[in-house]
């Protein structure tokens, strides 16, 4: 079973550097819940090029009913390389059971 969707996503927050902090993530709900007990995978893709900084995507808390997502601009080797704010991009996603 596959499900797809799109979400308009931006970032008004600094780059998140604390593992597990999902307070600035956006909740996405699947059109229909996957069967209880399923292992669900989500693959997101940026569909637009509205901002010049690279809009890294982070996914968290994937369940049978949805997931959390945010744009988290580049943070590599312990260094924040952007301010974290990002204009609205269209994010397409595909979800499926394993």
C-alpha atoms as a PDB file:
ATOM      1  CA  UNK A   1       0.000   0.000   0.000  1.00  0.00           C
ATOM      2  CA  UNK A   2       1.374   3.393  -1.046  1.00  0.00           C
ATOM      3  CA  UNK A   3       0.151   6.846  -0.102  1.00  0.00           C
ATOM      4  CA  UNK A   4       1.345  10.177  -1.443  1.00  0.00           C
ATOM      5  CA  UNK A   5       0.892  13.816  -0.588  1.00  0.00           C
ATOM      6  CA  UNK A   6       2.281  17.321  -0.660  1.00  0.00           C
ATOM      7  CA  UNK A   7       2.834  19.881   2.066  1.00  0.00           C
ATOM      8  CA  UNK A   8       3.790  23.559   1.871  1.00  0.00           C
ATOM      9  CA  UNK A   9       6.680  23.913   4.300  1.00  0.00           C
ATOM     10  CA  UNK A  10       8.844  26.811   5.445  1.00  0.00           C
ATOM     11  CA  UNK A  11      11.166  27.508   8.365  1.00  0.00           C
ATOM     12  CA  UNK A  12      10.997  30.531  10.608  1.00  0.00           C
ATOM     13  CA  UNK A  13      13.362  28.960  13.156  1.00  0.00           C
ATOM     14  CA  UNK A  14      17.124  28.644  13.520  1.00  0.00           C
ATOM     15  CA  UNK A  15      18.753  25.398  12.411  1.00  0.00           C
ATOM     16  CA  UNK A  16      17.877  22.690  14.948  1.00  0.00           C
ATOM     17  CA  UNK A  17      21.020  21.185  16.426  1.00  0.00           C
ATOM     18  CA  UNK A  18      19.523  19.168  19.315  1.00  0.00           C
ATOM     19  CA  UNK A  19      18.783  15.545  18.448  1.00  0.00           C
ATOM     20  CA  UNK A  20      15.195  14.550  19.129  1.00  0.00           C
ATOM     21  CA  UNK A  21      13.798  18.083  19.501  1.00  0.00           C
ATOM     22  CA  UNK A  22      10.715  18.075  17.270  1.00  0.00           C
ATOM     23  CA  UNK A  23       9.024  21.164  18.732  1.00  0.00           C
ATOM     24  CA  UNK A  24       9.399  23.084  15.441  1.00  0.00           C
ATOM     25  CA  UNK A  25       8.286  20.227  13.169  1.00  0.00           C
ATOM     26  CA  UNK A  26       5.009  20.179  11.208  1.00  0.00           C
ATOM     27  CA  UNK A  27       2.645  17.245  11.684  1.00  0.00           C
ATOM     28  CA  UNK A  28       1.488  15.505   8.481  1.00  0.00           C
ATOM     29  CA  UNK A  29      -1.433  13.062   8.666  1.00  0.00           C
ATOM     30  CA  UNK A  30      -1.817  10.298   6.088  1.00  0.00           C
ATOM     31  CA  UNK A  31      -5.049  10.302   4.034  1.00  0.00           C
ATOM     32  CA  UNK A  32      -5.794   6.853   5.538  1.00  0.00           C
ATOM     33  CA  UNK A  33      -4.099   5.117   8.446  1.00  0.00           C
ATOM     34  CA  UNK A  34      -1.854   2.175   7.639  1.00  0.00           C
ATOM     35  CA  UNK A  35      -2.741  -1.100   9.406  1.00  0.00           C
ATOM     36  CA  UNK A  36      -1.886  -1.106  13.118  1.00  0.00           C
ATOM     37  CA  UNK A  37       1.540  -2.647  13.754  1.00  0.00           C
ATOM     38  CA  UNK A  38       2.855  -1.815  10.260  1.00  0.00           C
ATOM     39  CA  UNK A  39       6.389  -0.543   9.724  1.00  0.00           C
ATOM     40  CA  UNK A  40       5.959   2.639   7.676  1.00  0.00           C
ATOM     41  CA  UNK A  41       8.624   4.427   5.635  1.00  0.00           C
ATOM     42  CA  UNK A  42       8.358   8.011   4.365  1.00  0.00           C
ATOM     43  CA  UNK A  43      10.411   9.457   1.512  1.00  0.00           C
ATOM     44  CA  UNK A  44      10.167  13.263   1.065  1.00  0.00           C
ATOM     45  CA  UNK A  45      11.354  15.337  -1.912  1.00  0.00           C
ATOM     46  CA  UNK A  46      11.557  19.103  -2.403  1.00  0.00           C
ATOM     47  CA  UNK A  47       9.448  19.906  -5.472  1.00  0.00           C
ATOM     48  CA  UNK A  48      10.325  23.612  -5.834  1.00  0.00           C
ATOM     49  CA  UNK A  49      13.357  25.934  -5.835  1.00  0.00           C
ATOM     50  CA  UNK A  50      12.050  29.015  -4.038  1.00  0.00           C
ATOM     51  CA  UNK A  51      14.953  29.631  -1.661  1.00  0.00           C
ATOM     52  CA  UNK A  52      18.626  29.705  -2.593  1.00  0.00           C
ATOM     53  CA  UNK A  53      19.892  27.944   0.581  1.00  0.00           C
ATOM     54  CA  UNK A  54      19.672  24.155   0.576  1.00  0.00           C
ATOM     55  CA  UNK A  55      16.456  23.081   2.348  1.00  0.00           C
ATOM     56  CA  UNK A  56      17.492  19.912   4.145  1.00  0.00           C
ATOM     57  CA  UNK A  57      14.489  17.859   5.253  1.00  0.00           C
ATOM     58  CA  UNK A  58      14.193  16.058   8.583  1.00  0.00           C
ATOM     59  CA  UNK A  59      11.531  13.425   9.301  1.00  0.00           C
ATOM     60  CA  UNK A  60      10.601  12.254  12.803  1.00  0.00           C
ATOM     61  CA  UNK A  61       8.023  10.220  14.679  1.00  0.00           C
ATOM     62  CA  UNK A  62       6.712   8.155  11.762  1.00  0.00           C
ATOM     63  CA  UNK A  63       3.600   6.208  12.827  1.00  0.00           C
ATOM     64  CA  UNK A  64       0.765   4.409  11.056  1.00  0.00           C
ATOM     65  CA  UNK A  65      -1.203   7.685  11.000  1.00  0.00           C
ATOM     66  CA  UNK A  66       1.440  10.241   9.967  1.00  0.00           C
ATOM     67  CA  UNK A  67       4.838  11.816  10.557  1.00  0.00           C
ATOM     68  CA  UNK A  68       6.560  15.052  11.518  1.00  0.00           C
ATOM     69  CA  UNK A  69       8.712  17.031   9.079  1.00  0.00           C
ATOM     70  CA  UNK A  70      10.702  20.253   8.976  1.00  0.00           C
ATOM     71  CA  UNK A  71      13.132  22.128   6.780  1.00  0.00           C
ATOM     72  CA  UNK A  72      16.455  22.163   8.590  1.00  0.00           C
ATOM     73  CA  UNK A  73      19.051  23.999   6.532  1.00  0.00           C
ATOM     74  CA  UNK A  74      22.577  22.646   6.436  1.00  0.00           C
ATOM     75  CA  UNK A  75      24.289  21.693   9.663  1.00  0.00           C
ATOM     76  CA  UNK A  76      27.420  19.650   9.048  1.00  0.00           C
ATOM     77  CA  UNK A  77      30.357  18.500  11.150  1.00  0.00           C
ATOM     78  CA  UNK A  78      28.975  20.392  14.149  1.00  0.00           C
ATOM     79  CA  UNK A  79      28.745  23.689  12.253  1.00  0.00           C
ATOM     80  CA  UNK A  80      25.614  25.592  11.324  1.00  0.00           C
ATOM     81  CA  UNK A  81      26.150  26.893   7.795  1.00  0.00           C
ATOM     82  CA  UNK A  82      22.960  28.984   7.420  1.00  0.00           C
ATOM     83  CA  UNK A  83      20.547  31.036   9.515  1.00  0.00           C
ATOM     84  CA  UNK A  84      17.873  28.326   9.330  1.00  0.00           C
ATOM     85  CA  UNK A  85      15.028  30.429   8.001  1.00  0.00           C
ATOM     86  CA  UNK A  86      13.698  29.330   4.649  1.00  0.00           C
ATOM     87  CA  UNK A  87      10.887  30.447   2.356  1.00  0.00           C
ATOM     88  CA  UNK A  88       7.979  28.146   1.543  1.00  0.00           C
ATOM     89  CA  UNK A  89       8.780  25.110  -0.568  1.00  0.00           C
ATOM     90  CA  UNK A  90       6.441  22.405  -1.832  1.00  0.00           C
ATOM     91  CA  UNK A  91       7.408  19.040  -0.382  1.00  0.00           C
ATOM     92  CA  UNK A  92       6.119  15.873  -2.018  1.00  0.00           C
ATOM     93  CA  UNK A  93       6.182  12.636  -0.058  1.00  0.00           C
ATOM     94  CA  UNK A  94       5.594   8.917  -0.584  1.00  0.00           C
ATOM     95  CA  UNK A  95       4.741   6.588   2.298  1.00  0.00           C
ATOM     96  CA  UNK A  96       4.548   2.810   2.248  1.00  0.00           C
ATOM     97  CA  UNK A  97       4.699  -0.197   4.502  1.00  0.00           C
ATOM     98  CA  UNK A  98       7.841  -2.302   4.520  1.00  0.00           C
END
